[in-house]
């Protein structure tokens, strides 16, 4: 392993983001390091010395990783945000299909508590995904801003919270309906919603993890 490869391996360990986002940044850094090394080599340095000089010119691996981590996080946010949009739209399509085929779920509550839980869970399932769509759309809209990486954390946390509420409501709702939901022919359609919402929840948690790691790295540095 030469000096450039070893340096990039150190940067890769410190970069925050998915493998694909890190690979794009590392490819750009590798190209820049090779150009710098070629310049030093043409000035009379040996290949090994030129590589070491190029590495020193770029700075420490931690400095480079901290400088480029916002870029990798934003690349992940762009991809992840689009995934969340597609998943939530699929989930809402499943819910709307159920509503068209069967109609609004009707509760069979045996107590005031059951009726309250039914109303709350139905409201959440209907409107929380739409709120998450708004948060995600806002997140994708702010990516082009200079301070975009600062918005990733709060908006991703908002998505996680609304999706967690939706998943909880999906657990409560069938219990308040009783066996009526299971007997409906469209039960397989409504199953699309929790599956897609769960996938969106996992993706939102992933964005929270990246943004939290970025904030910690910038604070420490």
N, C-alpha and C. Protein backbone atom coordinates (compact mmCIF):
# COMPACT_ATOMS: atom_id res chain seq x y z
N UNK A 1 0.85 -1.20 0.00
CA UNK A 1 0.00 0.00 0.00
C UNK A 1 0.88 1.25 0.00
N UNK A 2 0.68 2.12 -0.99
CA UNK A 2 1.49 3.34 -1.04
C UNK A 2 0.92 4.40 -0.10
N UNK A 3 1.58 5.56 -0.08
CA UNK A 3 1.19 6.62 0.86
C UNK A 3 -0.22 7.13 0.59
N UNK A 4 -0.57 7.24 -0.69
CA UNK A 4 -1.90 7.76 -1.04
C UNK A 4 -2.99 6.79 -0.61
N UNK A 5 -2.80 5.49 -0.89
CA UNK A 5 -3.80 4.50 -0.51
C UNK A 5 -3.96 4.42 1.00
N UNK A 6 -2.84 4.46 1.73
CA UNK A 6 -2.93 4.44 3.19
C UNK A 6 -3.63 5.66 3.74
N UNK A 7 -3.35 6.81 3.14
CA UNK A 7 -3.99 8.06 3.56
C UNK A 7 -5.50 8.01 3.31
N UNK A 8 -5.90 7.53 2.14
CA UNK A 8 -7.32 7.44 1.82
C UNK A 8 -8.04 6.43 2.70
N UNK A 9 -7.33 5.36 3.09
CA UNK A 9 -7.93 4.38 4.00
C UNK A 9 -8.23 5.03 5.35
N UNK A 10 -7.31 5.90 5.83
CA UNK A 10 -7.54 6.61 7.09
C UNK A 10 -8.71 7.58 6.96
N UNK A 11 -8.79 8.28 5.82
CA UNK A 11 -9.90 9.20 5.59
C UNK A 11 -11.22 8.43 5.55
N UNK A 12 -11.21 7.27 4.91
CA UNK A 12 -12.43 6.47 4.78
C UNK A 12 -12.96 6.05 6.14
N UNK A 13 -12.05 5.71 7.06
CA UNK A 13 -12.48 5.30 8.40
C UNK A 13 -13.11 6.45 9.18
N UNK A 14 -12.72 7.68 8.85
CA UNK A 14 -13.21 8.84 9.60
C UNK A 14 -14.39 9.53 8.92
N UNK A 15 -14.59 9.28 7.63
CA UNK A 15 -15.70 9.89 6.92
C UNK A 15 -17.04 9.37 7.46
N UNK A 16 -18.03 10.23 7.45
CA UNK A 16 -19.37 9.87 7.91
C UNK A 16 -20.28 9.75 6.70
N UNK A 17 -21.02 8.66 6.64
CA UNK A 17 -21.94 8.47 5.53
C UNK A 17 -21.93 7.04 5.04
N UNK A 18 -22.75 6.77 4.05
CA UNK A 18 -22.83 5.42 3.50
C UNK A 18 -21.59 5.11 2.68
N UNK A 19 -21.42 3.86 2.34
CA UNK A 19 -20.26 3.43 1.56
C UNK A 19 -20.26 4.10 0.19
N UNK A 20 -21.44 4.21 -0.44
CA UNK A 20 -21.50 4.81 -1.77
C UNK A 20 -21.09 6.28 -1.73
N UNK A 21 -21.59 7.03 -0.74
CA UNK A 21 -21.24 8.45 -0.63
C UNK A 21 -19.76 8.62 -0.33
N UNK A 22 -19.22 7.78 0.54
CA UNK A 22 -17.80 7.87 0.86
C UNK A 22 -16.94 7.52 -0.35
N UNK A 23 -17.39 6.55 -1.13
CA UNK A 23 -16.62 6.14 -2.30
C UNK A 23 -16.51 7.28 -3.30
N UNK A 24 -17.58 8.04 -3.50
CA UNK A 24 -17.55 9.17 -4.43
C UNK A 24 -16.52 10.21 -3.99
N UNK A 25 -16.53 10.54 -2.69
CA UNK A 25 -15.59 11.53 -2.18
C UNK A 25 -14.16 11.01 -2.26
N UNK A 26 -13.97 9.74 -1.93
CA UNK A 26 -12.62 9.17 -1.98
C UNK A 26 -12.08 9.14 -3.40
N UNK A 27 -12.93 8.89 -4.37
CA UNK A 27 -12.49 8.91 -5.77
C UNK A 27 -12.02 10.30 -6.17
N UNK A 28 -12.74 11.32 -5.72
CA UNK A 28 -12.34 12.70 -6.02
C UNK A 28 -11.02 13.03 -5.33
N UNK A 29 -10.87 12.61 -4.07
CA UNK A 29 -9.62 12.86 -3.36
C UNK A 29 -8.45 12.12 -4.01
N UNK A 30 -8.69 10.90 -4.42
CA UNK A 30 -7.62 10.12 -5.06
C UNK A 30 -7.14 10.80 -6.33
N UNK A 31 -8.06 11.31 -7.11
CA UNK A 31 -7.68 12.00 -8.34
C UNK A 31 -6.85 13.24 -8.03
N UNK A 32 -7.29 14.00 -7.01
CA UNK A 32 -6.54 15.19 -6.62
C UNK A 32 -5.16 14.87 -6.09
N UNK A 33 -5.06 13.82 -5.29
CA UNK A 33 -3.76 13.42 -4.74
C UNK A 33 -2.82 12.95 -5.85
N UNK A 34 -3.33 12.22 -6.80
CA UNK A 34 -2.48 11.75 -7.90
C UNK A 34 -1.98 12.92 -8.74
N UNK A 35 -2.84 13.89 -9.00
CA UNK A 35 -2.40 15.07 -9.76
C UNK A 35 -1.32 15.83 -8.99
N UNK A 36 -1.52 15.99 -7.67
CA UNK A 36 -0.51 16.67 -6.85
C UNK A 36 0.80 15.90 -6.83
N UNK A 37 0.70 14.56 -6.72
CA UNK A 37 1.91 13.73 -6.70
C UNK A 37 2.64 13.81 -8.04
N UNK A 38 1.91 13.83 -9.13
CA UNK A 38 2.54 13.96 -10.44
C UNK A 38 3.27 15.29 -10.57
N UNK A 39 2.68 16.33 -10.02
CA UNK A 39 3.31 17.66 -10.07
C UNK A 39 4.63 17.64 -9.30
N UNK A 40 4.61 17.06 -8.10
CA UNK A 40 5.84 16.97 -7.31
C UNK A 40 6.88 16.08 -7.99
N UNK A 41 6.42 15.04 -8.63
CA UNK A 41 7.34 14.13 -9.31
C UNK A 41 8.03 14.84 -10.49
N UNK A 42 7.27 15.66 -11.21
CA UNK A 42 7.87 16.41 -12.33
C UNK A 42 8.87 17.45 -11.84
N UNK A 43 8.75 17.85 -10.58
CA UNK A 43 9.70 18.81 -10.02
C UNK A 43 10.98 18.14 -9.52
N UNK A 44 11.04 16.82 -9.64
CA UNK A 44 12.29 16.13 -9.31
C UNK A 44 12.22 15.17 -8.15
N UNK A 45 11.10 15.11 -7.44
CA UNK A 45 10.99 14.18 -6.32
C UNK A 45 10.75 12.76 -6.84
N UNK A 46 11.16 11.78 -6.03
CA UNK A 46 10.86 10.40 -6.38
C UNK A 46 9.36 10.16 -6.25
N UNK A 47 8.90 9.02 -6.79
CA UNK A 47 7.46 8.73 -6.73
C UNK A 47 6.98 8.65 -5.29
N UNK A 48 7.75 7.97 -4.44
CA UNK A 48 7.35 7.83 -3.03
C UNK A 48 7.34 9.18 -2.33
N UNK A 49 8.40 9.97 -2.54
CA UNK A 49 8.48 11.29 -1.91
C UNK A 49 7.37 12.20 -2.42
N UNK A 50 7.06 12.10 -3.71
CA UNK A 50 6.00 12.92 -4.29
C UNK A 50 4.64 12.57 -3.67
N UNK A 51 4.39 11.30 -3.44
CA UNK A 51 3.13 10.89 -2.82
C UNK A 51 3.03 11.42 -1.39
N UNK A 52 4.13 11.33 -0.64
CA UNK A 52 4.12 11.85 0.73
C UNK A 52 3.91 13.36 0.73
N UNK A 53 4.52 14.06 -0.23
CA UNK A 53 4.35 15.51 -0.31
C UNK A 53 2.90 15.87 -0.63
N UNK A 54 2.28 15.10 -1.52
CA UNK A 54 0.88 15.35 -1.85
C UNK A 54 -0.01 15.13 -0.64
N UNK A 55 0.26 14.10 0.11
CA UNK A 55 -0.54 13.82 1.31
C UNK A 55 -0.40 14.94 2.32
N UNK A 56 0.83 15.42 2.52
CA UNK A 56 1.05 16.52 3.46
C UNK A 56 0.34 17.79 3.00
N UNK A 57 0.30 18.00 1.70
CA UNK A 57 -0.36 19.19 1.17
C UNK A 57 -1.87 19.17 1.46
N UNK A 58 -2.48 18.00 1.42
CA UNK A 58 -3.92 17.88 1.64
C UNK A 58 -4.31 18.04 3.10
N UNK A 59 -3.39 17.83 4.03
CA UNK A 59 -3.70 17.93 5.45
C UNK A 59 -3.90 16.56 6.07
N UNK A 60 -4.18 16.54 7.36
CA UNK A 60 -4.36 15.28 8.06
C UNK A 60 -5.64 14.59 7.61
N UNK A 61 -5.70 13.29 7.85
CA UNK A 61 -6.89 12.53 7.47
C UNK A 61 -8.11 13.02 8.21
N UNK A 62 -7.95 13.41 9.47
CA UNK A 62 -9.10 13.90 10.24
C UNK A 62 -9.59 15.24 9.70
N UNK A 63 -8.66 16.11 9.34
CA UNK A 63 -9.07 17.40 8.78
C UNK A 63 -9.87 17.21 7.49
N UNK A 64 -9.38 16.33 6.63
CA UNK A 64 -10.06 16.09 5.36
C UNK A 64 -11.42 15.44 5.59
N UNK A 65 -11.48 14.48 6.53
CA UNK A 65 -12.74 13.79 6.80
C UNK A 65 -13.79 14.74 7.35
N UNK A 66 -13.40 15.60 8.29
CA UNK A 66 -14.35 16.56 8.86
C UNK A 66 -14.81 17.56 7.80
N UNK A 67 -13.90 17.95 6.90
CA UNK A 67 -14.25 18.91 5.86
C UNK A 67 -15.22 18.34 4.84
N UNK A 68 -15.10 17.03 4.55
CA UNK A 68 -15.91 16.42 3.50
C UNK A 68 -17.12 15.65 4.03
N UNK A 69 -17.21 15.43 5.34
CA UNK A 69 -18.34 14.69 5.88
C UNK A 69 -19.69 15.37 5.63
N UNK A 70 -19.78 16.72 5.72
CA UNK A 70 -21.06 17.33 5.36
C UNK A 70 -21.50 16.99 3.95
N UNK A 71 -20.54 16.89 3.04
CA UNK A 71 -20.87 16.55 1.65
C UNK A 71 -21.43 15.13 1.55
N UNK A 72 -20.78 14.18 2.26
CA UNK A 72 -21.26 12.80 2.19
C UNK A 72 -22.62 12.65 2.87
N UNK A 73 -22.82 13.38 3.97
CA UNK A 73 -24.11 13.31 4.66
C UNK A 73 -25.22 13.87 3.77
N UNK A 74 -24.94 14.97 3.08
CA UNK A 74 -25.96 15.55 2.20
C UNK A 74 -26.24 14.64 1.01
N UNK A 75 -25.23 13.96 0.49
CA UNK A 75 -25.47 13.01 -0.59
C UNK A 75 -26.37 11.88 -0.11
N UNK A 76 -26.11 11.41 1.11
CA UNK A 76 -26.97 10.36 1.67
C UNK A 76 -28.38 10.89 1.92
N UNK A 77 -28.47 12.14 2.37
CA UNK A 77 -29.78 12.72 2.64
C UNK A 77 -30.60 12.82 1.37
N UNK A 78 -29.94 13.20 0.27
CA UNK A 78 -30.67 13.31 -1.00
C UNK A 78 -31.23 11.95 -1.42
N UNK A 79 -30.40 10.92 -1.32
CA UNK A 79 -30.84 9.57 -1.71
C UNK A 79 -31.87 9.04 -0.71
N UNK A 80 -31.56 9.20 0.58
CA UNK A 80 -32.47 8.70 1.61
C UNK A 80 -33.80 9.41 1.62
N UNK A 81 -33.78 10.73 1.40
CA UNK A 81 -35.03 11.47 1.35
C UNK A 81 -35.93 11.02 0.22
N UNK A 82 -35.33 10.74 -0.92
CA UNK A 82 -36.12 10.24 -2.05
C UNK A 82 -36.70 8.86 -1.74
N UNK A 83 -35.93 8.04 -1.05
CA UNK A 83 -36.45 6.72 -0.66
C UNK A 83 -37.65 6.87 0.27
N UNK A 84 -37.53 7.77 1.25
CA UNK A 84 -38.63 7.97 2.19
C UNK A 84 -39.87 8.46 1.46
N UNK A 85 -39.70 9.37 0.51
CA UNK A 85 -40.84 9.86 -0.27
C UNK A 85 -41.54 8.72 -1.01
N UNK A 86 -40.74 7.88 -1.67
CA UNK A 86 -41.32 6.77 -2.43
C UNK A 86 -42.03 5.79 -1.49
N UNK A 87 -41.40 5.49 -0.36
CA UNK A 87 -41.98 4.53 0.59
C UNK A 87 -43.29 5.07 1.18
N UNK A 88 -43.29 6.35 1.55
CA UNK A 88 -44.50 6.92 2.15
C UNK A 88 -45.62 7.04 1.13
N UNK A 89 -45.27 7.41 -0.09
CA UNK A 89 -46.31 7.46 -1.13
C UNK A 89 -46.89 6.08 -1.39
N UNK A 90 -46.03 5.05 -1.32
CA UNK A 90 -46.53 3.67 -1.47
C UNK A 90 -47.43 3.30 -0.30
N UNK A 91 -47.03 3.72 0.90
CA UNK A 91 -47.84 3.43 2.08
C UNK A 91 -49.20 4.11 1.99
N UNK A 92 -49.20 5.36 1.60
CA UNK A 92 -50.46 6.08 1.46
C UNK A 92 -51.33 5.49 0.35
N UNK A 93 -50.68 4.99 -0.70
CA UNK A 93 -51.44 4.34 -1.77
C UNK A 93 -52.16 3.10 -1.25
N UNK A 94 -51.47 2.35 -0.37
CA UNK A 94 -52.11 1.18 0.23
C UNK A 94 -53.30 1.57 1.09
N UNK A 95 -53.13 2.64 1.86
CA UNK A 95 -54.23 3.09 2.73
C UNK A 95 -55.41 3.59 1.91
N UNK A 96 -55.12 4.38 0.86
CA UNK A 96 -56.20 4.89 0.02
C UNK A 96 -56.92 3.76 -0.72
N UNK A 97 -56.15 2.75 -1.14
CA UNK A 97 -56.77 1.60 -1.79
C UNK A 97 -57.72 0.89 -0.83
N UNK A 98 -57.30 0.76 0.40
CA UNK A 98 -58.16 0.15 1.41
C UNK A 98 -59.42 0.98 1.62
N UNK A 99 -59.25 2.31 1.71
CA UNK A 99 -60.39 3.18 1.94
C UNK A 99 -61.39 3.11 0.79
N UNK A 100 -60.86 3.02 -0.44
CA UNK A 100 -61.74 2.95 -1.61
C UNK A 100 -62.46 1.60 -1.67
N UNK A 101 -61.70 0.53 -1.39
CA UNK A 101 -62.27 -0.81 -1.52
C UNK A 101 -63.21 -1.16 -0.38
N UNK A 102 -62.86 -0.72 0.83
CA UNK A 102 -63.62 -1.14 2.01
C UNK A 102 -64.36 0.02 2.66
N UNK A 103 -63.72 1.19 2.65
CA UNK A 103 -64.29 2.32 3.37
C UNK A 103 -63.52 2.58 4.65
N UNK A 104 -63.86 3.63 5.32
CA UNK A 104 -63.18 3.99 6.56
C UNK A 104 -63.41 2.90 7.60
N UNK A 105 -62.34 2.47 8.30
CA UNK A 105 -62.52 1.44 9.34
C UNK A 105 -63.55 1.87 10.37
N UNK A 106 -64.36 0.92 10.77
CA UNK A 106 -65.40 1.19 11.76
C UNK A 106 -65.02 0.49 13.05
N UNK A 107 -65.03 1.23 14.13
CA UNK A 107 -64.63 0.67 15.41
C UNK A 107 -65.73 -0.18 16.01
N UNK A 108 -65.28 -1.14 16.79
CA UNK A 108 -66.22 -1.93 17.57
C UNK A 108 -65.79 -1.85 19.04
N UNK A 109 -65.71 -0.60 19.56
CA UNK A 109 -65.17 -0.42 20.90
C UNK A 109 -66.14 -0.90 21.98
N UNK A 110 -65.55 -1.44 22.99
CA UNK A 110 -66.36 -1.90 24.12
C UNK A 110 -66.27 -0.95 25.30
N UNK A 111 -65.47 0.09 25.18
CA UNK A 111 -65.32 1.04 26.28
C UNK A 111 -64.94 2.40 25.71
N UNK A 112 -64.98 3.41 26.56
CA UNK A 112 -64.57 4.76 26.15
C UNK A 112 -63.09 4.79 25.79
N UNK A 113 -62.28 4.03 26.52
CA UNK A 113 -60.85 3.99 26.24
C UNK A 113 -60.59 3.43 24.84
N UNK A 114 -61.28 2.34 24.50
CA UNK A 114 -61.11 1.73 23.19
C UNK A 114 -61.54 2.69 22.08
N UNK A 115 -62.64 3.41 22.32
CA UNK A 115 -63.12 4.37 21.33
C UNK A 115 -62.12 5.51 21.14
N UNK A 116 -61.54 5.98 22.25
CA UNK A 116 -60.53 7.04 22.18
C UNK A 116 -59.29 6.57 21.43
N UNK A 117 -58.84 5.37 21.73
CA UNK A 117 -57.66 4.82 21.04
C UNK A 117 -57.93 4.65 19.56
N UNK A 118 -59.14 4.23 19.24
CA UNK A 118 -59.49 4.06 17.83
C UNK A 118 -59.44 5.41 17.10
N UNK A 119 -60.02 6.44 17.69
CA UNK A 119 -60.05 7.76 17.05
C UNK A 119 -58.63 8.32 16.89
N UNK A 120 -57.82 8.18 17.93
CA UNK A 120 -56.46 8.69 17.88
C UNK A 120 -55.62 7.95 16.85
N UNK A 121 -55.73 6.63 16.83
CA UNK A 121 -54.93 5.84 15.90
C UNK A 121 -55.36 6.07 14.45
N UNK A 122 -56.67 6.20 14.23
CA UNK A 122 -57.15 6.48 12.87
C UNK A 122 -56.67 7.84 12.38
N UNK A 123 -56.75 8.83 13.26
CA UNK A 123 -56.27 10.16 12.90
C UNK A 123 -54.78 10.14 12.58
N UNK A 124 -54.01 9.43 13.39
CA UNK A 124 -52.56 9.37 13.19
C UNK A 124 -52.21 8.69 11.88
N UNK A 125 -52.86 7.55 11.62
CA UNK A 125 -52.57 6.82 10.39
C UNK A 125 -52.92 7.65 9.16
N UNK A 126 -53.92 8.47 9.26
CA UNK A 126 -54.35 9.28 8.12
C UNK A 126 -53.45 10.48 7.87
N UNK A 127 -52.98 11.13 8.95
CA UNK A 127 -52.33 12.42 8.79
C UNK A 127 -50.83 12.44 9.12
N UNK A 128 -50.34 11.54 9.97
CA UNK A 128 -48.92 11.56 10.32
C UNK A 128 -48.01 11.31 9.11
N UNK A 129 -48.33 10.35 8.23
CA UNK A 129 -47.48 10.18 7.04
C UNK A 129 -47.42 11.42 6.16
N UNK A 130 -48.53 12.15 6.08
CA UNK A 130 -48.53 13.39 5.30
C UNK A 130 -47.59 14.42 5.92
N UNK A 131 -47.58 14.48 7.26
CA UNK A 131 -46.65 15.39 7.94
C UNK A 131 -45.21 14.99 7.66
N UNK A 132 -44.95 13.69 7.67
CA UNK A 132 -43.60 13.20 7.37
C UNK A 132 -43.20 13.52 5.93
N UNK A 133 -44.17 13.42 5.02
CA UNK A 133 -43.90 13.81 3.63
C UNK A 133 -43.48 15.28 3.56
N UNK A 134 -44.13 16.12 4.34
CA UNK A 134 -43.80 17.54 4.36
C UNK A 134 -42.39 17.75 4.90
N UNK A 135 -42.05 17.05 6.00
CA UNK A 135 -40.70 17.16 6.56
C UNK A 135 -39.65 16.71 5.54
N UNK A 136 -39.93 15.60 4.86
CA UNK A 136 -38.97 15.07 3.89
C UNK A 136 -38.82 16.01 2.70
N UNK A 137 -39.92 16.54 2.21
CA UNK A 137 -39.85 17.48 1.09
C UNK A 137 -39.06 18.72 1.49
N UNK A 138 -39.26 19.20 2.72
CA UNK A 138 -38.48 20.35 3.21
C UNK A 138 -37.01 20.01 3.27
N UNK A 139 -36.71 18.79 3.72
CA UNK A 139 -35.32 18.35 3.82
C UNK A 139 -34.66 18.35 2.45
N UNK A 140 -35.34 17.81 1.46
CA UNK A 140 -34.77 17.77 0.11
C UNK A 140 -34.64 19.17 -0.48
N UNK A 141 -35.55 20.06 -0.12
CA UNK A 141 -35.51 21.43 -0.64
C UNK A 141 -34.32 22.20 -0.08
N UNK A 142 -33.93 21.93 1.16
CA UNK A 142 -32.85 22.68 1.80
C UNK A 142 -31.46 22.15 1.46
N UNK A 143 -31.37 21.07 0.70
CA UNK A 143 -30.06 20.47 0.43
C UNK A 143 -29.13 21.45 -0.30
N UNK A 144 -29.70 22.30 -1.14
CA UNK A 144 -28.87 23.24 -1.89
C UNK A 144 -28.36 24.42 -1.07
N UNK A 145 -28.83 24.58 0.16
CA UNK A 145 -28.40 25.70 1.00
C UNK A 145 -27.02 25.45 1.57
N UNK A 146 -26.29 26.54 1.88
CA UNK A 146 -24.94 26.41 2.42
C UNK A 146 -24.93 25.71 3.78
N UNK A 147 -25.96 25.95 4.57
CA UNK A 147 -26.05 25.36 5.91
C UNK A 147 -26.99 24.16 5.92
N UNK A 148 -27.11 23.48 4.78
CA UNK A 148 -28.10 22.40 4.66
C UNK A 148 -27.85 21.29 5.66
N UNK A 149 -26.57 20.95 5.94
CA UNK A 149 -26.30 19.83 6.84
C UNK A 149 -26.81 20.08 8.25
N UNK A 150 -27.04 21.35 8.61
CA UNK A 150 -27.56 21.65 9.94
C UNK A 150 -29.05 21.32 10.05
N UNK A 151 -29.73 21.24 8.93
CA UNK A 151 -31.16 20.94 8.93
C UNK A 151 -31.44 19.45 8.89
N UNK A 152 -30.44 18.65 8.54
CA UNK A 152 -30.67 17.21 8.39
C UNK A 152 -31.14 16.60 9.70
N UNK A 153 -30.44 16.91 10.81
CA UNK A 153 -30.78 16.32 12.09
C UNK A 153 -32.20 16.62 12.55
N UNK A 154 -32.58 17.91 12.69
CA UNK A 154 -33.94 18.22 13.16
C UNK A 154 -35.04 17.64 12.28
N UNK A 155 -34.87 17.75 10.96
CA UNK A 155 -35.91 17.24 10.06
C UNK A 155 -35.95 15.72 10.07
N UNK A 156 -34.79 15.07 10.15
CA UNK A 156 -34.78 13.61 10.23
C UNK A 156 -35.41 13.13 11.54
N UNK A 157 -35.14 13.83 12.65
CA UNK A 157 -35.78 13.48 13.91
C UNK A 157 -37.30 13.66 13.81
N UNK A 158 -37.75 14.69 13.11
CA UNK A 158 -39.19 14.89 12.93
C UNK A 158 -39.81 13.73 12.16
N UNK A 159 -39.09 13.26 11.14
CA UNK A 159 -39.58 12.10 10.38
C UNK A 159 -39.65 10.87 11.27
N UNK A 160 -38.61 10.65 12.07
CA UNK A 160 -38.59 9.48 12.96
C UNK A 160 -39.76 9.53 13.93
N UNK A 161 -40.02 10.71 14.50
CA UNK A 161 -41.10 10.84 15.49
C UNK A 161 -42.46 10.57 14.86
N UNK A 162 -42.72 11.17 13.71
CA UNK A 162 -44.04 10.98 13.08
C UNK A 162 -44.21 9.54 12.59
N UNK A 163 -43.13 8.94 12.09
CA UNK A 163 -43.24 7.55 11.63
C UNK A 163 -43.41 6.60 12.80
N UNK A 164 -42.76 6.89 13.92
CA UNK A 164 -42.95 6.06 15.12
C UNK A 164 -44.39 6.13 15.60
N UNK A 165 -44.97 7.33 15.58
CA UNK A 165 -46.37 7.48 15.95
C UNK A 165 -47.27 6.70 15.01
N UNK A 166 -46.94 6.73 13.71
CA UNK A 166 -47.76 6.01 12.73
C UNK A 166 -47.70 4.51 12.97
N UNK A 167 -46.50 3.99 13.21
CA UNK A 167 -46.36 2.56 13.45
C UNK A 167 -47.09 2.13 14.71
N UNK A 168 -47.01 2.96 15.76
CA UNK A 168 -47.73 2.65 16.99
C UNK A 168 -49.23 2.64 16.74
N UNK A 169 -49.70 3.60 15.96
CA UNK A 169 -51.13 3.65 15.64
C UNK A 169 -51.56 2.43 14.84
N UNK A 170 -50.68 1.93 13.97
CA UNK A 170 -51.01 0.74 13.18
C UNK A 170 -51.12 -0.51 14.04
N UNK A 171 -50.42 -0.49 15.17
CA UNK A 171 -50.52 -1.62 16.10
C UNK A 171 -51.83 -1.53 16.89
N UNK A 172 -52.19 -0.30 17.27
CA UNK A 172 -53.39 -0.10 18.09
C UNK A 172 -54.66 -0.25 17.27
N UNK A 173 -54.64 0.24 16.03
CA UNK A 173 -55.86 0.29 15.23
C UNK A 173 -56.53 -1.07 15.04
N UNK A 174 -55.79 -2.12 14.61
CA UNK A 174 -56.46 -3.42 14.44
C UNK A 174 -57.07 -3.96 15.73
N UNK A 175 -56.40 -3.65 16.86
CA UNK A 175 -56.92 -4.14 18.14
C UNK A 175 -58.25 -3.49 18.48
N UNK A 176 -58.43 -2.23 18.10
CA UNK A 176 -59.68 -1.55 18.41
C UNK A 176 -60.79 -1.93 17.43
N UNK A 177 -60.40 -2.38 16.22
CA UNK A 177 -61.40 -2.81 15.24
C UNK A 177 -61.88 -4.22 15.54
N UNK A 178 -61.00 -5.00 16.16
CA UNK A 178 -61.35 -6.39 16.45
C UNK A 178 -61.10 -7.29 15.26
N UNK A 179 -61.96 -8.25 15.03
CA UNK A 179 -61.76 -9.22 13.96
C UNK A 179 -62.27 -8.73 12.61
N UNK A 180 -62.95 -7.57 12.61
CA UNK A 180 -63.52 -7.08 11.35
C UNK A 180 -62.46 -6.84 10.29
N UNK A 181 -61.32 -6.26 10.73
CA UNK A 181 -60.26 -5.95 9.77
C UNK A 181 -59.70 -7.23 9.15
N UNK A 182 -59.50 -8.24 9.96
CA UNK A 182 -58.92 -9.49 9.46
C UNK A 182 -59.84 -10.16 8.45
N UNK A 183 -61.15 -9.98 8.63
CA UNK A 183 -62.10 -10.64 7.73
C UNK A 183 -62.29 -9.90 6.42
N UNK A 184 -61.72 -8.69 6.32
CA UNK A 184 -61.92 -7.91 5.11
C UNK A 184 -61.04 -8.46 3.98
N UNK A 185 -61.56 -8.51 2.74
CA UNK A 185 -60.74 -8.98 1.62
C UNK A 185 -59.55 -8.07 1.34
N UNK A 186 -59.64 -6.80 1.71
CA UNK A 186 -58.56 -5.85 1.41
C UNK A 186 -57.49 -5.80 2.49
N UNK A 187 -57.48 -6.77 3.41
CA UNK A 187 -56.48 -6.74 4.47
C UNK A 187 -55.07 -6.81 3.90
N UNK A 188 -54.90 -7.48 2.78
CA UNK A 188 -53.56 -7.59 2.18
C UNK A 188 -53.11 -6.25 1.59
N UNK A 189 -54.08 -5.42 1.20
CA UNK A 189 -53.72 -4.10 0.70
C UNK A 189 -53.26 -3.20 1.83
N UNK A 190 -53.95 -3.23 2.94
CA UNK A 190 -53.60 -2.37 4.05
C UNK A 190 -52.29 -2.81 4.70
N UNK A 191 -51.87 -4.05 4.46
CA UNK A 191 -50.58 -4.50 4.98
C UNK A 191 -49.42 -3.77 4.31
N UNK A 192 -49.66 -3.21 3.15
CA UNK A 192 -48.61 -2.46 2.46
C UNK A 192 -48.16 -1.28 3.30
N UNK A 193 -49.09 -0.65 3.98
CA UNK A 193 -48.78 0.58 4.71
C UNK A 193 -47.78 0.36 5.85
N UNK A 194 -48.00 -0.60 6.75
CA UNK A 194 -47.01 -0.79 7.81
C UNK A 194 -45.66 -1.23 7.29
N UNK A 195 -45.63 -2.03 6.24
CA UNK A 195 -44.35 -2.49 5.69
C UNK A 195 -43.57 -1.31 5.13
N UNK A 196 -44.19 -0.50 4.31
CA UNK A 196 -43.52 0.65 3.72
C UNK A 196 -43.16 1.69 4.78
N UNK A 197 -44.05 1.88 5.75
CA UNK A 197 -43.77 2.84 6.82
C UNK A 197 -42.58 2.38 7.66
N UNK A 198 -42.48 1.08 7.90
CA UNK A 198 -41.35 0.55 8.66
C UNK A 198 -40.04 0.79 7.91
N UNK A 199 -40.05 0.59 6.60
CA UNK A 199 -38.85 0.83 5.80
C UNK A 199 -38.47 2.31 5.82
N UNK A 200 -39.47 3.18 5.74
CA UNK A 200 -39.21 4.62 5.81
C UNK A 200 -38.67 5.00 7.18
N UNK A 201 -39.17 4.38 8.23
CA UNK A 201 -38.69 4.64 9.59
C UNK A 201 -37.22 4.26 9.72
N UNK A 202 -36.84 3.11 9.18
CA UNK A 202 -35.44 2.68 9.22
C UNK A 202 -34.55 3.67 8.47
N UNK A 203 -34.99 4.14 7.32
CA UNK A 203 -34.21 5.10 6.53
C UNK A 203 -34.07 6.43 7.27
N UNK A 204 -35.14 6.88 7.93
CA UNK A 204 -35.07 8.12 8.70
C UNK A 204 -34.12 7.98 9.88
N UNK A 205 -34.13 6.82 10.55
CA UNK A 205 -33.19 6.57 11.65
C UNK A 205 -31.75 6.60 11.14
N UNK A 206 -31.55 6.12 9.94
CA UNK A 206 -30.22 6.14 9.33
C UNK A 206 -29.74 7.57 9.12
N UNK A 207 -30.62 8.44 8.67
CA UNK A 207 -30.26 9.84 8.49
C UNK A 207 -29.96 10.51 9.83
N UNK A 208 -30.71 10.14 10.87
CA UNK A 208 -30.45 10.69 12.21
C UNK A 208 -29.07 10.26 12.68
N UNK A 209 -28.72 9.00 12.44
CA UNK A 209 -27.41 8.50 12.87
C UNK A 209 -26.27 9.25 12.19
N UNK A 210 -26.39 9.49 10.89
CA UNK A 210 -25.35 10.21 10.16
C UNK A 210 -25.23 11.65 10.65
N UNK A 211 -26.38 12.32 10.82
CA UNK A 211 -26.34 13.73 11.23
C UNK A 211 -25.81 13.89 12.65
N UNK A 212 -26.13 12.93 13.53
CA UNK A 212 -25.63 12.98 14.90
C UNK A 212 -24.12 12.77 14.92
N UNK A 213 -23.64 11.80 14.14
CA UNK A 213 -22.20 11.55 14.07
C UNK A 213 -21.46 12.76 13.51
N UNK A 214 -22.05 13.42 12.51
CA UNK A 214 -21.43 14.61 11.93
C UNK A 214 -21.34 15.73 12.96
N UNK A 215 -22.40 15.95 13.71
CA UNK A 215 -22.39 17.01 14.72
C UNK A 215 -21.34 16.74 15.79
N UNK A 216 -21.21 15.50 16.20
CA UNK A 216 -20.22 15.14 17.21
C UNK A 216 -18.80 15.35 16.67
N UNK A 217 -18.58 14.93 15.43
CA UNK A 217 -17.24 15.09 14.84
C UNK A 217 -16.85 16.56 14.73
N UNK A 218 -17.79 17.39 14.31
CA UNK A 218 -17.49 18.82 14.18
C UNK A 218 -17.28 19.47 15.54
N UNK A 219 -18.00 18.99 16.55
CA UNK A 219 -17.85 19.54 17.90
C UNK A 219 -16.49 19.17 18.47
N UNK A 220 -16.10 17.90 18.30
CA UNK A 220 -14.81 17.44 18.82
C UNK A 220 -13.67 18.14 18.12
N UNK A 221 -13.80 18.27 16.79
CA UNK A 221 -12.72 18.89 16.03
C UNK A 221 -12.64 20.39 16.32
